């Protein structure tokens, strides 16, 4: 039985050109520690910010189980690090000292650039690796929680429109994740948008 399971894992790994599970776990932990240090002191819904990035990584891991990503090892690292360049003083050069260029490039694609319109930002992601599009959708799934108390009805409607744009532009990358995002958008509309 054990040999059969090992053979199945090996076959799946070969088909996906992926790293062995223990290597993915090591890279996950490395990125988790890095993100925890980078986001130290930041909050997400009154919790340590690292909770948010772990939730995004969890979505990515589940997405991979349903529809295998092209490179899970990189995808989980990018998911855990996705807000480092945007929300901390850490630079791409500093990240390159600790992570492979393709991981840093994925994080950079997910980083909003000042002055870049949202449609161009989403197009940048779409033009990148499909896994990065999946990560952006997973991030939005997690972010479609109760809006901050200071948001106006207009802010909520704008965030919903942005979510629909993500779905439209990036949904091609994963049927499973796009369905999940659609359900979250519908729930967000039902619970938080005044008609």
Protein backbone atom coordinates (compact mmCIF):
# COMPACT_ATOMS: atom_id res chain seq x y z
CA UNK A 1 0.00 0.00 0.00
CA UNK A 2 2.75 2.45 0.98
CA UNK A 3 4.68 1.76 -2.26
CA UNK A 4 1.52 2.36 -4.29
CA UNK A 5 0.96 5.72 -2.60
CA UNK A 6 4.61 6.68 -3.16
CA UNK A 7 4.28 5.71 -6.84
CA UNK A 8 1.12 7.84 -7.22
CA UNK A 9 2.82 10.83 -5.61
CA UNK A 10 5.87 10.34 -7.82
CA UNK A 11 3.69 10.14 -10.97
CA UNK A 12 1.78 13.30 -10.05
CA UNK A 13 5.06 15.08 -9.31
CA UNK A 14 6.55 14.08 -12.66
CA UNK A 15 3.42 15.11 -14.57
CA UNK A 16 3.38 18.54 -12.96
CA UNK A 17 7.14 19.08 -12.97
CA UNK A 18 6.75 19.95 -9.30
CA UNK A 19 9.01 19.73 -6.30
CA UNK A 20 8.54 16.84 -3.85
CA UNK A 21 6.11 17.63 -1.00
CA UNK A 22 8.84 17.94 1.65
CA UNK A 23 10.66 20.51 -0.49
CA UNK A 24 7.44 22.49 -0.93
CA UNK A 25 6.97 22.44 2.85
CA UNK A 26 10.51 23.75 3.38
CA UNK A 27 9.99 26.58 0.90
CA UNK A 28 6.58 27.32 2.44
CA UNK A 29 8.15 27.66 5.89
CA UNK A 30 10.99 29.85 4.58
CA UNK A 31 8.50 32.22 2.92
CA UNK A 32 6.23 32.16 5.97
CA UNK A 33 9.02 33.24 8.32
CA UNK A 34 10.13 35.95 5.88
CA UNK A 35 6.58 37.28 5.52
CA UNK A 36 6.01 37.16 9.29
CA UNK A 37 9.12 39.28 9.89
CA UNK A 38 8.26 41.67 7.04
CA UNK A 39 4.67 42.23 8.23
CA UNK A 40 5.56 42.30 11.94
CA UNK A 41 3.28 44.80 13.69
CA UNK A 42 0.80 45.05 10.81
CA UNK A 43 -2.80 43.99 11.34
CA UNK A 44 -5.52 42.42 9.21
CA UNK A 45 -9.02 42.54 10.73
CA UNK A 46 -7.42 43.16 14.14
CA UNK A 47 -5.24 40.05 13.82
CA UNK A 48 -1.54 39.78 12.96
CA UNK A 49 -1.20 40.35 9.20
CA UNK A 50 0.43 36.95 8.75
CA UNK A 51 -3.04 35.43 9.22
CA UNK A 52 -4.09 37.02 5.91
CA UNK A 53 -1.15 35.68 3.91
CA UNK A 54 -1.58 32.20 5.42
CA UNK A 55 -5.25 32.25 4.41
CA UNK A 56 -4.25 33.17 0.85
CA UNK A 57 -1.66 30.38 0.79
CA UNK A 58 -4.30 27.96 2.09
CA UNK A 59 -6.60 28.92 -0.81
CA UNK A 60 -3.71 28.32 -3.23
CA UNK A 61 -2.97 24.90 -1.73
CA UNK A 62 -6.62 23.87 -2.01
CA UNK A 63 -6.82 25.20 -5.57
CA UNK A 64 -3.81 23.06 -6.47
CA UNK A 65 -5.53 19.96 -5.10
CA UNK A 66 -8.54 20.58 -7.36
CA UNK A 67 -6.73 21.91 -10.44
CA UNK A 68 -2.95 21.44 -10.25
CA UNK A 69 -0.93 24.63 -10.64
CA UNK A 70 2.10 24.67 -12.90
CA UNK A 71 4.54 25.23 -10.03
CA UNK A 72 3.19 24.79 -6.50
CA UNK A 73 6.59 25.39 -4.88
CA UNK A 74 6.75 28.90 -6.33
CA UNK A 75 3.02 29.57 -5.98
CA UNK A 76 2.93 29.02 -2.21
CA UNK A 77 5.94 31.26 -1.75
CA UNK A 78 4.40 33.99 -3.90
CA UNK A 79 1.11 33.66 -2.00
CA UNK A 80 2.85 34.08 1.36
CA UNK A 81 4.98 36.98 0.11
CA UNK A 82 2.37 38.67 -2.10
CA UNK A 83 2.07 41.87 -0.03
CA UNK A 84 5.71 42.27 1.04
CA UNK A 85 6.76 44.69 -1.73
CA UNK A 86 3.49 46.61 -1.56
CA UNK A 87 3.08 46.97 2.21
CA UNK A 88 6.58 46.92 3.68
CA UNK A 89 9.86 48.79 3.04
CA UNK A 90 11.50 45.62 1.64
CA UNK A 91 12.73 46.02 -1.95
CA UNK A 92 12.92 43.56 -4.84
CA UNK A 93 16.71 43.50 -4.53
CA UNK A 94 16.43 42.57 -0.87
CA UNK A 95 13.94 39.80 -1.69
CA UNK A 96 16.27 38.47 -4.38
CA UNK A 97 18.86 37.82 -1.66
CA UNK A 98 16.46 35.21 -0.19
CA UNK A 99 14.24 34.01 -3.04
CA UNK A 100 14.54 32.85 -6.64
CA UNK A 101 13.93 35.48 -9.36
CA UNK A 102 10.70 33.83 -10.55
CA UNK A 103 9.24 34.06 -7.02
CA UNK A 104 10.20 37.73 -6.68
CA UNK A 105 8.85 38.40 -10.18
CA UNK A 106 5.51 36.85 -9.18
CA UNK A 107 5.37 39.03 -6.06
CA UNK A 108 6.23 42.06 -8.18
CA UNK A 109 3.38 41.28 -10.61
CA UNK A 110 0.98 41.26 -7.65
CA UNK A 111 2.29 44.58 -6.34
CA UNK A 112 0.14 47.58 -7.23
CA UNK A 113 2.17 50.38 -8.81
CA UNK A 114 1.38 54.00 -8.06
CA UNK A 115 -0.34 55.66 -11.02
CA UNK A 116 -1.04 52.37 -12.83
CA UNK A 117 -4.76 52.01 -13.58
CA UNK A 118 -6.41 48.90 -12.15
CA UNK A 119 -7.19 47.50 -15.60
CA UNK A 120 -3.48 47.76 -16.53
CA UNK A 121 -2.50 46.19 -13.19
CA UNK A 122 -4.82 43.23 -13.79
CA UNK A 123 -3.60 42.95 -17.39
CA UNK A 124 0.00 42.74 -16.09
CA UNK A 125 -1.03 39.85 -13.86
CA UNK A 126 -2.98 38.18 -16.69
CA UNK A 127 0.04 38.45 -19.01
CA UNK A 128 2.25 36.82 -16.37
CA UNK A 129 2.18 33.24 -15.18
CA UNK A 130 -1.29 31.64 -14.83
CA UNK A 131 -0.43 30.70 -11.23
CA UNK A 132 -0.06 34.40 -10.39
CA UNK A 133 -3.60 35.01 -11.69
CA UNK A 134 -4.83 32.21 -9.43
CA UNK A 135 -3.02 33.78 -6.45
CA UNK A 136 -4.65 37.17 -7.12
CA UNK A 137 -8.09 35.54 -7.18
CA UNK A 138 -7.29 33.68 -3.94
CA UNK A 139 -6.23 36.96 -2.35
CA UNK A 140 -9.54 38.55 -3.35
CA UNK A 141 -11.51 35.58 -2.02
CA UNK A 142 -9.90 36.19 1.38
CA UNK A 143 -10.38 39.95 1.17
CA UNK A 144 -14.12 39.67 0.49
CA UNK A 145 -14.84 39.76 4.21
CA UNK A 146 -16.70 42.38 6.20
CA UNK A 147 -15.57 45.78 4.85
CA UNK A 148 -13.71 48.17 7.15
CA UNK A 149 -16.12 50.21 9.31
CA UNK A 150 -14.93 53.49 7.79
CA UNK A 151 -15.86 52.45 4.23
CA UNK A 152 -18.79 54.22 2.62
CA UNK A 153 -21.40 52.53 0.44
CA UNK A 154 -19.46 53.92 -2.52
CA UNK A 155 -16.21 52.30 -1.29
CA UNK A 156 -17.99 48.95 -0.93
CA UNK A 157 -19.52 49.20 -4.41
CA UNK A 158 -16.13 50.13 -5.88
CA UNK A 159 -14.47 47.14 -4.21
CA UNK A 160 -17.20 44.90 -5.57
CA UNK A 161 -16.67 46.27 -9.10
CA UNK A 162 -12.93 45.65 -8.73
CA UNK A 163 -13.69 42.07 -7.66
CA UNK A 164 -15.83 41.56 -10.76
CA UNK A 165 -12.98 42.93 -12.90
CA UNK A 166 -10.60 40.40 -11.33
CA UNK A 167 -13.05 37.63 -12.10
CA UNK A 168 -13.49 38.79 -15.69
CA UNK A 169 -9.79 39.29 -16.43
CA UNK A 170 -8.23 36.46 -14.42
CA UNK A 171 -10.98 33.84 -14.18
CA UNK A 172 -9.56 31.95 -17.17
CA UNK A 173 -6.69 30.70 -15.01
CA UNK A 174 -8.75 28.34 -12.83
CA UNK A 175 -12.32 27.17 -13.15
CA UNK A 176 -12.40 26.11 -9.50
CA UNK A 177 -11.02 29.37 -8.10
CA UNK A 178 -13.13 31.54 -10.40
CA UNK A 179 -16.29 29.70 -9.24
CA UNK A 180 -15.22 30.18 -5.64
CA UNK A 181 -14.57 33.88 -6.22
CA UNK A 182 -17.95 34.30 -7.96
CA UNK A 183 -19.72 32.81 -4.91
CA UNK A 184 -17.79 35.15 -2.58
CA UNK A 185 -18.67 38.19 -4.73
CA UNK A 186 -22.36 37.24 -4.70
CA UNK A 187 -22.26 36.82 -0.92
CA UNK A 188 -20.46 40.16 -0.53
CA UNK A 189 -23.12 41.88 -2.64
CA UNK A 190 -25.94 40.26 -0.68
CA UNK A 191 -24.49 41.05 2.75
CA UNK A 192 -22.85 44.44 2.34
CA UNK A 193 -24.28 46.31 -0.63
CA UNK A 194 -27.36 48.40 -0.06
CA UNK A 195 -29.90 48.25 -2.85
